[in-house]
Amino acid sequence: MINFLSAIFPHFGELKRGLCISVAILLTLCSSACSMTSTPEPLFTAPTESPARLALIESDSNLQAGRSSYDLLCAHCHGYGGEGQLEATIENTLSLGLLTVPAHDATGHTWQHPDQVLREAILQGIQNPLDHFPMPAFEGTLNEEEINQVLDYIRLWWTVEQREYQRNLTRHHAEIDAEFGINANE
């Protein structure tokens, strides 16, 4: 059979060797992939009472102001530790087809939005069908500086990688706004 294939395909020996090498590489890659864990590393979040986090807040008056505004206006829904809607209420909320109150800590998705979108949500609020957990608008309640303070406070719950991602996202969004002549302060 090999002689027959060699007669039809004069380079059969080279093809056979190349095929064997390709199969060996594929098997090596597959066995390496199977030995790797598919579970991501646990997400570290600094708890609100973390001594390092508290020391950082105590040393910065803007973070103190952000914590004060967050605790007064946001924490009753988003959690004093940024954990989001109470676990016991989530199933009921989802069964009604409604949105849950997102966590602002590293387990949530707040860090996946640029500052421009977060500011808009804070200023305009977010409505939910049936007014179940609507977020009120804080336009006229919080000024630009206070919004920045709240966002800076929230960022303390994020990982270094999440803060960097969000910073780049915000920068990219500003570049797009500038390219199309959109004034972020309007």
Protein backbone atom coordinates (compact mmCIF):
# COMPACT_ATOMS: atom_id res chain seq x y z
CA MET A 1 0.00 0.00 0.00
CA ILE A 2 2.83 2.40 0.90
CA ASN A 3 4.54 1.58 -2.41
CA PHE A 4 1.27 2.29 -4.23
CA LEU A 5 0.89 5.67 -2.47
CA SER A 6 4.55 6.47 -3.10
CA ALA A 7 4.02 5.77 -6.80
CA ILE A 8 0.97 8.05 -7.01
CA PHE A 9 2.36 10.71 -4.67
CA PRO A 10 6.12 10.93 -5.19
CA HIS A 11 6.48 13.08 -2.07
CA PHE A 12 4.44 10.71 0.12
CA GLY A 13 7.37 10.12 2.49
CA GLU A 14 7.70 13.84 3.12
CA LEU A 15 3.92 14.18 3.55
CA LYS A 16 3.89 11.24 5.94
CA ARG A 17 6.72 12.72 8.01
CA GLY A 18 5.04 16.18 8.03
CA LEU A 19 1.73 14.61 9.02
CA CYS A 20 3.38 12.70 11.87
CA ILE A 21 5.05 15.86 13.13
CA SER A 22 1.75 17.76 12.93
CA VAL A 23 -0.09 15.03 14.84
CA ALA A 24 2.66 14.94 17.49
CA ILE A 25 2.44 18.72 17.95
CA LEU A 26 -1.36 18.56 18.15
CA LEU A 27 -1.24 15.81 20.77
CA THR A 28 1.33 17.74 22.80
CA LEU A 29 -0.83 20.86 22.73
CA CYS A 30 -3.96 18.92 23.67
CA SER A 31 -2.28 17.17 26.60
CA SER A 32 -0.88 20.51 27.83
CA ALA A 33 -4.29 22.12 27.61
CA CYS A 34 -5.93 19.26 29.48
CA SER A 35 -3.49 19.60 32.35
CA MET A 36 -4.25 23.33 32.78
CA THR A 37 -7.06 24.40 35.06
CA SER A 38 -10.03 26.02 33.38
CA THR A 39 -11.19 27.70 36.57
CA PRO A 40 -10.05 31.30 36.87
CA GLU A 41 -8.23 32.41 39.97
CA PRO A 42 -10.51 33.66 42.75
CA LEU A 43 -11.30 37.35 42.45
CA PHE A 44 -9.75 39.35 45.27
CA THR A 45 -11.77 42.23 46.62
CA ALA A 46 -10.65 44.32 49.54
CA PRO A 47 -13.46 44.31 52.07
CA THR A 48 -14.73 47.65 53.30
CA GLU A 49 -13.07 47.09 56.66
CA SER A 50 -9.66 46.27 55.13
CA PRO A 51 -7.04 48.21 57.13
CA ALA A 52 -5.17 49.23 53.96
CA ARG A 53 -8.38 50.47 52.34
CA LEU A 54 -9.48 52.34 55.46
CA ALA A 55 -6.04 53.96 55.80
CA LEU A 56 -6.23 55.11 52.18
CA ILE A 57 -9.68 56.61 52.73
CA GLU A 58 -8.66 58.28 55.99
CA SER A 59 -5.65 59.90 54.29
CA ASP A 60 -7.67 61.42 51.41
CA SER A 61 -10.46 63.97 51.94
CA ASN A 62 -11.88 63.30 48.44
CA LEU A 63 -12.26 59.60 49.24
CA GLN A 64 -13.89 60.49 52.56
CA ALA A 65 -16.37 62.72 50.75
CA GLY A 66 -16.97 59.98 48.18
CA ARG A 67 -17.64 57.44 50.93
CA SER A 68 -20.02 59.84 52.64
CA SER A 69 -22.03 60.48 49.44
CA TYR A 70 -21.98 56.78 48.51
CA ASP A 71 -23.14 55.70 51.99
CA LEU A 72 -25.92 58.32 51.95
CA LEU A 73 -27.19 57.92 48.38
CA CYS A 74 -26.03 54.58 46.97
CA ALA A 75 -25.28 51.99 49.65
CA HIS A 76 -28.88 51.16 50.59
CA CYS A 77 -29.27 49.56 47.14
CA HIS A 78 -25.71 48.77 46.02
CA GLY A 79 -24.49 47.66 49.45
CA TYR A 80 -22.16 49.31 51.93
CA GLY A 81 -19.42 46.99 50.68
CA GLY A 82 -20.39 47.46 47.02
CA GLU A 83 -21.86 43.93 46.93
CA GLY A 84 -25.05 44.87 45.07
CA GLN A 85 -28.58 43.60 45.58
CA LEU A 86 -29.19 41.34 48.54
CA GLU A 87 -28.70 37.70 47.54
CA ALA A 88 -32.06 36.71 49.06
CA THR A 89 -33.97 39.04 46.72
CA ILE A 90 -32.24 38.26 43.43
CA GLU A 91 -34.27 35.15 42.51
CA ASN A 92 -37.55 37.02 42.92
CA THR A 93 -36.29 39.98 40.89
CA LEU A 94 -35.12 37.75 38.05
CA SER A 95 -38.37 35.71 38.08
CA LEU A 96 -40.24 38.95 37.46
CA GLY A 97 -38.01 39.59 34.44
CA LEU A 98 -36.44 42.63 36.07
CA LEU A 99 -32.87 43.81 36.34
CA THR A 100 -30.97 43.30 39.56
CA VAL A 101 -29.10 46.08 41.36
CA PRO A 102 -25.48 45.62 40.26
CA ALA A 103 -22.53 45.22 42.55
CA HIS A 104 -19.96 47.99 42.38
CA ASP A 105 -17.17 45.85 43.77
CA ALA A 106 -14.81 43.71 41.69
CA THR A 107 -17.47 41.01 41.26
CA GLY A 108 -19.83 43.39 39.45
CA HIS A 109 -19.62 45.02 36.02
CA THR A 110 -19.33 48.70 36.93
CA TRP A 111 -15.63 48.65 36.00
CA GLN A 112 -16.60 47.57 32.47
CA HIS A 113 -18.14 50.99 31.74
CA PRO A 114 -16.30 54.23 30.98
CA ASP A 115 -16.67 57.19 33.34
CA GLN A 116 -18.85 58.95 30.76
CA VAL A 117 -21.48 56.20 30.96
CA LEU A 118 -21.28 55.97 34.75
CA ARG A 119 -21.72 59.76 35.08
CA GLU A 120 -24.74 59.65 32.78
CA ALA A 121 -26.31 56.85 34.85
CA ILE A 122 -25.70 58.84 38.05
CA LEU A 123 -27.09 62.07 36.60
CA GLN A 124 -30.09 60.63 34.72
CA GLY A 125 -30.85 57.54 36.81
CA ILE A 126 -31.85 54.14 35.48
CA GLN A 127 -35.47 53.13 35.20
CA ASN A 128 -36.59 49.55 35.62
CA PRO A 129 -39.96 48.17 34.47
CA LEU A 130 -42.66 48.51 37.12
CA ASP A 131 -40.33 50.88 39.02
CA HIS A 132 -38.86 47.86 40.80
CA PHE A 133 -35.44 49.01 42.01
CA PRO A 134 -35.21 52.11 39.80
CA MET A 135 -32.09 54.19 40.31
CA PRO A 136 -33.07 57.81 40.86
CA ALA A 137 -31.44 60.64 38.98
CA PHE A 138 -28.94 62.59 41.04
CA GLU A 139 -28.71 65.58 38.71
CA GLY A 140 -29.01 68.61 40.96
CA THR A 141 -28.12 66.49 44.00
CA LEU A 142 -24.51 65.66 43.12
CA ASN A 143 -22.22 68.04 41.26
CA GLU A 144 -19.34 66.97 38.98
CA GLU A 145 -16.78 66.95 41.81
CA GLU A 146 -19.04 64.84 44.06
CA ILE A 147 -19.66 62.36 41.24
CA ASN A 148 -15.89 62.04 40.75
CA GLN A 149 -15.47 61.46 44.48
CA VAL A 150 -18.09 58.70 44.48
CA LEU A 151 -16.48 57.04 41.45
CA ASP A 152 -13.03 57.26 43.06
CA TYR A 153 -14.45 55.64 46.20
CA ILE A 154 -16.09 52.83 44.18
CA ARG A 155 -12.81 52.17 42.33
CA LEU A 156 -11.20 51.15 45.64
CA TRP A 157 -13.16 47.87 45.40
CA TRP A 158 -11.72 47.00 41.99
CA THR A 159 -8.58 45.07 41.21
CA VAL A 160 -5.57 46.86 39.74
CA GLU A 161 -6.33 45.22 36.37
CA GLN A 162 -9.97 46.34 36.48
CA ARG A 163 -8.97 49.93 37.28
CA GLU A 164 -6.48 49.94 34.40
CA TYR A 165 -9.08 48.47 32.01
CA GLN A 166 -11.66 51.05 33.04
CA ARG A 167 -9.13 53.90 32.77
CA ASN A 168 -8.26 52.84 29.19
CA LEU A 169 -11.95 52.45 28.33
CA THR A 170 -12.66 55.96 29.63
CA ARG A 171 -9.73 57.38 27.66
CA HIS A 172 -10.88 55.60 24.47
CA HIS A 173 -14.46 56.84 24.94
CA ALA A 174 -13.15 60.42 25.33
CA GLU A 175 -11.13 60.05 22.10
CA ILE A 176 -14.24 58.93 20.23
CA ASP A 177 -16.25 61.79 21.71
CA ALA A 178 -13.56 64.25 20.60
CA GLU A 179 -13.39 62.73 17.13
CA PHE A 180 -17.13 63.27 16.64
CA GLY A 181 -17.23 66.66 18.39
CA ILE A 182 -19.27 65.43 21.34
CA ASN A 183 -18.90 67.55 24.45
CA ALA A 184 -18.99 65.25 27.48
CA ASN A 185 -20.23 68.09 29.72
CA GLU A 186 -23.41 68.73 27.77
